[in-house]
């Protein structure tokens, strides 16, 4: 039997190459535009404030970048709420154990960094075990993928209800809430929702970080709880998709093998029977 693994490897590499080309095509020109615009803004700033030189401005920009890396938003003033109050710390702990890692906030002290390492070392397996049990609980209301493939009917209805309900609860309604609270568009809210639940976590959009908005204290804690249940649902969806893809590839190759075998059998049957030579003992 021909293995479908080489095809999967080639398809995986092709998918990465395709993504790289598309992202380069879509984003590189915009990046160049923003870079040029930023340089023009710096030149305009130096022209308006002649008491500053370019070196002083670059130093101040460096200070802003370091502040952002430490989790301090340069906007607003010192009265901005702390990034390390209990609600925000709870949200950060959730991003650590779920491996989302937005990157907009991280421990700046050595003890905090050391604790983060050991916290993740035990927290990530604990989170995986928790999500596994939560996924089993969700999957208890569904038939297994094998029975769904072999006996279509009621199982397809259950799967459709499961996917539809989860899509509404975790992908459709939450962007509406984030759009209202954060001031994002629905597209931005949906983008944040999927990037978060898939644990990609770029950090370009993070809830509860706008210094010009007043958030309720439990806002980010409730978001962290939503993330945990959304992770379990989307992970189950990803597993179903992976199983279907594997079965499709295996079935594809199996049909190919059967067709090759049938072709070889037909060829042998179509060939005229060769005269048999009797060799006496």
Protein backbone atom coordinates (compact mmCIF):
# COMPACT_ATOMS: atom_id res chain seq x y z
CA UNK A 1 0.00 0.00 0.00
CA UNK A 2 1.32 3.44 -0.93
CA UNK A 3 1.84 5.71 2.08
CA UNK A 4 0.08 9.09 2.00
CA UNK A 5 2.67 10.63 4.37
CA UNK A 6 4.88 12.08 1.58
CA UNK A 7 1.82 13.71 0.04
CA UNK A 8 0.89 15.21 3.41
CA UNK A 9 4.42 16.57 3.87
CA UNK A 10 4.41 18.10 0.39
CA UNK A 11 0.95 19.54 0.94
CA UNK A 12 2.03 21.00 4.29
CA UNK A 13 5.10 22.66 2.78
CA UNK A 14 3.07 23.93 -0.17
CA UNK A 15 0.53 25.43 2.26
CA UNK A 16 3.32 27.26 4.13
CA UNK A 17 4.81 28.57 0.89
CA UNK A 18 1.39 29.69 -0.31
CA UNK A 19 0.77 31.51 2.96
CA UNK A 20 4.15 33.21 2.81
CA UNK A 21 3.54 34.49 -0.72
CA UNK A 22 0.04 35.75 0.04
CA UNK A 23 1.08 37.50 3.28
CA UNK A 24 4.01 39.10 1.51
CA UNK A 25 1.75 40.28 -1.29
CA UNK A 26 -0.85 41.71 1.09
CA UNK A 27 1.31 43.20 3.84
CA UNK A 28 4.68 44.28 2.46
CA UNK A 29 3.41 47.31 0.56
CA UNK A 30 1.38 48.50 3.55
CA UNK A 31 4.42 48.10 5.80
CA UNK A 32 6.51 50.22 3.44
CA UNK A 33 3.81 52.89 3.43
CA UNK A 34 3.60 52.99 7.24
CA UNK A 35 7.40 53.09 7.56
CA UNK A 36 7.68 56.04 5.16
CA UNK A 37 4.82 57.82 6.90
CA UNK A 38 6.49 57.33 10.28
CA UNK A 39 9.76 58.78 9.01
CA UNK A 40 7.89 61.81 7.63
CA UNK A 41 6.18 62.30 10.98
CA UNK A 42 9.54 62.29 12.76
CA UNK A 43 10.97 64.84 10.33
CA UNK A 44 7.90 67.04 10.76
CA UNK A 45 8.21 66.79 14.54
CA UNK A 46 11.86 67.89 14.42
CA UNK A 47 10.98 70.81 12.17
CA UNK A 48 8.25 72.00 14.55
CA UNK A 49 10.41 71.60 17.66
CA UNK A 50 13.83 72.87 16.65
CA UNK A 51 15.12 72.62 20.22
CA UNK A 52 15.30 68.85 19.75
CA UNK A 53 17.82 67.04 17.62
CA UNK A 54 17.42 63.72 15.87
CA UNK A 55 19.44 61.82 18.47
CA UNK A 56 17.21 63.03 21.33
CA UNK A 57 14.10 62.05 19.40
CA UNK A 58 15.44 58.57 18.65
CA UNK A 59 16.24 58.14 22.34
CA UNK A 60 12.71 59.12 23.30
CA UNK A 61 11.29 56.67 20.74
CA UNK A 62 13.44 53.97 22.31
CA UNK A 63 12.00 54.84 25.72
CA UNK A 64 8.48 54.48 24.32
CA UNK A 65 9.32 51.09 22.82
CA UNK A 66 10.80 49.84 26.09
CA UNK A 67 7.73 51.05 27.97
CA UNK A 68 5.46 49.18 25.57
CA UNK A 69 7.52 46.01 25.92
CA UNK A 70 7.16 46.25 29.71
CA UNK A 71 3.40 46.48 29.38
CA UNK A 72 3.11 50.23 29.96
CA UNK A 73 0.83 51.93 27.46
CA UNK A 74 2.46 55.24 26.39
CA UNK A 75 -0.98 56.79 25.96
CA UNK A 76 -2.75 58.40 28.87
CA UNK A 77 -1.07 59.27 32.16
CA UNK A 78 0.05 57.68 35.42
CA UNK A 79 -3.54 57.25 36.59
CA UNK A 80 -4.06 54.37 34.15
CA UNK A 81 -5.08 51.16 35.94
CA UNK A 82 -2.29 48.73 36.76
CA UNK A 83 -1.55 45.87 34.38
CA UNK A 84 -0.95 43.67 37.40
CA UNK A 85 -4.11 44.05 39.44
CA UNK A 86 -5.87 40.78 40.25
CA UNK A 87 -8.17 40.79 37.21
CA UNK A 88 -5.35 41.48 34.76
CA UNK A 89 -3.04 39.02 36.55
CA UNK A 90 -5.75 36.35 36.33
CA UNK A 91 -6.07 37.04 32.62
CA UNK A 92 -2.28 36.85 32.18
CA UNK A 93 -2.11 33.54 34.07
CA UNK A 94 -4.72 32.17 31.66
CA UNK A 95 -2.69 33.27 28.64
CA UNK A 96 0.36 31.49 30.08
CA UNK A 97 -1.19 28.07 30.74
CA UNK A 98 -3.16 28.14 27.49
CA UNK A 99 0.05 29.06 25.57
CA UNK A 100 -1.73 31.99 23.87
CA UNK A 101 1.04 34.40 24.86
CA UNK A 102 -0.16 37.72 23.43
CA UNK A 103 3.24 39.31 23.99
CA UNK A 104 1.89 42.70 25.07
CA UNK A 105 2.63 41.90 28.74
CA UNK A 106 5.30 39.81 30.39
CA UNK A 107 7.10 39.62 33.75
CA UNK A 108 9.83 42.25 34.03
CA UNK A 109 11.42 41.09 37.30
CA UNK A 110 13.77 38.12 37.55
CA UNK A 111 11.68 36.41 40.28
CA UNK A 112 8.59 36.93 38.13
CA UNK A 113 10.29 35.42 35.09
CA UNK A 114 11.54 32.41 37.05
CA UNK A 115 8.11 31.84 38.57
CA UNK A 116 6.55 32.14 35.10
CA UNK A 117 8.79 29.35 33.80
CA UNK A 118 7.83 26.89 36.55
CA UNK A 119 4.22 28.06 36.52
CA UNK A 120 4.01 27.25 32.80
CA UNK A 121 5.96 24.00 33.28
CA UNK A 122 3.21 22.59 35.50
CA UNK A 123 0.34 24.75 34.26
CA UNK A 124 0.47 23.82 30.58
CA UNK A 125 0.09 20.03 31.21
CA UNK A 126 -2.63 20.81 33.76
CA UNK A 127 -4.42 22.95 31.21
CA UNK A 128 -4.13 20.23 28.57
CA UNK A 129 -5.55 17.65 31.00
CA UNK A 130 -8.40 20.02 31.90
CA UNK A 131 -9.19 20.76 28.26
CA UNK A 132 -9.03 17.04 27.50
CA UNK A 133 -11.62 16.28 30.17
CA UNK A 134 -13.74 19.22 29.08
CA UNK A 135 -13.52 17.99 25.49
CA UNK A 136 -14.63 14.53 26.60
CA UNK A 137 -17.60 16.09 28.31
CA UNK A 138 -18.54 17.91 25.12
CA UNK A 139 -17.88 14.83 23.05
CA UNK A 140 -20.16 12.76 25.32
CA UNK A 141 -23.13 14.39 23.59
CA UNK A 142 -21.80 13.41 20.19
CA UNK A 143 -21.09 10.15 18.45
CA UNK A 144 -17.50 9.39 17.63
CA UNK A 145 -16.14 10.37 14.24
CA UNK A 146 -15.94 6.74 13.12
CA UNK A 147 -19.63 6.12 13.80
CA UNK A 148 -20.48 9.40 12.10
CA UNK A 149 -18.64 8.28 8.97
CA UNK A 150 -20.01 4.75 8.99
CA UNK A 151 -23.60 5.50 9.99
CA UNK A 152 -24.64 8.92 8.70
CA UNK A 153 -28.00 10.21 9.84
CA UNK A 154 -28.73 11.17 13.41
CA UNK A 155 -25.02 11.64 14.13
CA UNK A 156 -24.80 14.26 11.39
CA UNK A 157 -27.67 16.18 13.02
CA UNK A 158 -25.91 16.07 16.41
CA UNK A 159 -22.67 17.24 14.83
CA UNK A 160 -24.43 20.07 12.98
CA UNK A 161 -26.11 21.24 16.20
CA UNK A 162 -22.81 21.07 18.06
CA UNK A 163 -20.95 23.06 15.43
CA UNK A 164 -23.73 25.62 15.03
CA UNK A 165 -24.15 26.21 18.77
CA UNK A 166 -20.42 26.47 19.36
CA UNK A 167 -19.99 28.82 16.43
CA UNK A 168 -22.67 31.14 17.80
CA UNK A 169 -21.37 31.05 21.39
CA UNK A 170 -17.65 31.34 20.67
CA UNK A 171 -17.23 32.94 17.24
CA UNK A 172 -20.33 34.99 16.37
CA UNK A 173 -21.66 36.59 19.58
CA UNK A 174 -18.35 37.43 21.36
CA UNK A 175 -17.17 39.80 18.59
CA UNK A 176 -20.38 41.77 19.13
CA UNK A 177 -19.49 42.21 22.81
CA UNK A 178 -15.88 43.11 22.05
CA UNK A 179 -16.97 45.57 19.39
CA UNK A 180 -19.27 47.30 21.87
CA UNK A 181 -16.81 47.36 24.79
CA UNK A 182 -13.52 47.95 22.94
CA UNK A 183 -14.78 50.10 20.09
CA UNK A 184 -13.54 47.67 17.45
CA UNK A 185 -15.29 46.84 14.22
CA UNK A 186 -17.00 43.45 14.03
CA UNK A 187 -14.27 42.20 11.71
CA UNK A 188 -11.59 43.17 14.22
CA UNK A 189 -13.54 41.50 17.01
CA UNK A 190 -13.93 38.31 15.00
CA UNK A 191 -10.24 38.39 14.12
CA UNK A 192 -9.31 38.73 17.82
CA UNK A 193 -11.73 35.93 18.75
CA UNK A 194 -10.32 33.37 16.33
CA UNK A 195 -6.67 34.34 16.87
CA UNK A 196 -7.21 33.94 20.62
CA UNK A 197 -9.13 30.66 20.63
CA UNK A 198 -6.71 29.09 18.18
CA UNK A 199 -3.87 30.03 20.63
CA UNK A 200 -2.06 31.97 17.88
CA UNK A 201 -2.19 35.12 19.99
CA UNK A 202 -0.38 37.82 18.02
CA UNK A 203 -1.07 40.47 20.64
CA UNK A 204 -2.07 43.18 18.17
CA UNK A 205 -5.58 43.12 19.67
CA UNK A 206 -6.00 42.48 23.41
CA UNK A 207 -9.08 43.18 25.49
CA UNK A 208 -9.00 45.63 28.38
CA UNK A 209 -5.90 47.59 27.33
CA UNK A 210 -7.38 50.88 26.10
CA UNK A 211 -6.42 53.57 28.67
CA UNK A 212 -9.25 55.81 27.48
CA UNK A 213 -11.94 53.29 28.47
CA UNK A 214 -13.25 52.32 31.87
CA UNK A 215 -13.68 48.55 32.21
CA UNK A 216 -15.57 46.70 34.92
CA UNK A 217 -13.15 44.86 37.26
CA UNK A 218 -14.23 41.35 36.21
CA UNK A 219 -14.18 42.05 32.48
CA UNK A 220 -10.86 40.37 31.74
CA UNK A 221 -11.54 37.56 34.22
CA UNK A 222 -14.79 36.72 32.44
CA UNK A 223 -12.93 36.90 29.13
CA UNK A 224 -10.38 34.39 30.47
CA UNK A 225 -13.17 31.96 31.41
CA UNK A 226 -14.71 32.36 27.96
CA UNK A 227 -11.30 31.63 26.42
CA UNK A 228 -10.96 28.34 28.33
CA UNK A 229 -14.31 26.95 27.15
CA UNK A 230 -13.76 28.32 23.65
CA UNK A 231 -10.39 26.58 23.49
CA UNK A 232 -11.97 23.24 24.34
CA UNK A 233 -14.64 23.67 21.66
CA UNK A 234 -12.30 24.85 18.91
CA UNK A 235 -9.73 22.16 19.76
CA UNK A 236 -12.45 19.53 19.32
CA UNK A 237 -13.39 21.09 15.98
CA UNK A 238 -9.75 21.06 14.88
CA UNK A 239 -9.44 17.39 15.92
CA UNK A 240 -12.52 16.48 13.89
CA UNK A 241 -11.10 18.35 10.90
CA UNK A 242 -7.73 16.61 11.25
CA UNK A 243 -9.38 13.19 11.50
CA UNK A 244 -11.51 13.88 8.44
CA UNK A 245 -8.46 15.02 6.49
CA UNK A 246 -6.51 11.91 7.44
CA UNK A 247 -9.41 9.63 6.52
CA UNK A 248 -9.85 11.46 3.22
CA UNK A 249 -6.18 10.99 2.34
CA UNK A 250 -6.19 7.36 3.40
CA UNK A 251 -9.39 6.71 1.42
CA UNK A 252 -7.92 8.49 -1.58
CA UNK A 253 -4.81 6.35 -1.58
CA UNK A 254 -6.82 3.23 -0.83
CA UNK A 255 -9.01 3.85 -3.88
CA UNK A 256 -5.90 4.51 -5.94
CA UNK A 257 -4.39 1.22 -4.80
CA UNK A 258 -7.60 -0.63 -5.61
CA UNK A 259 -7.76 0.89 -9.08
CA UNK A 260 -4.15 -0.07 -9.73
CA UNK A 261 -4.80 -3.60 -8.54
CA UNK A 262 -7.96 -3.90 -10.64
CA UNK A 263 -6.10 -2.53 -13.66
CA UNK A 264 -3.34 -5.08 -13.22
CA UNK A 265 -5.90 -7.90 -12.85
CA UNK A 266 -7.77 -6.78 -15.97
CA UNK A 267 -4.54 -6.62 -17.91
CA UNK A 268 -3.65 -10.17 -16.93
CA UNK A 269 -7.13 -11.39 -17.86
CA UNK A 270 -6.99 -9.69 -21.27
CA UNK A 271 -3.67 -11.23 -22.18
CA UNK A 272 -3.99 -14.40 -24.31
CA UNK A 273 -3.19 -17.57 -22.48
CA UNK A 274 0.35 -18.69 -23.24
CA UNK A 275 0.92 -22.29 -24.33
CA UNK A 276 1.93 -24.44 -21.41
CA UNK A 277 5.09 -26.50 -21.77
CA UNK A 278 5.05 -29.84 -20.06
CA UNK A 279 8.36 -30.75 -18.56
CA UNK A 280 8.54 -34.43 -17.71
CA UNK A 281 10.04 -35.30 -14.42
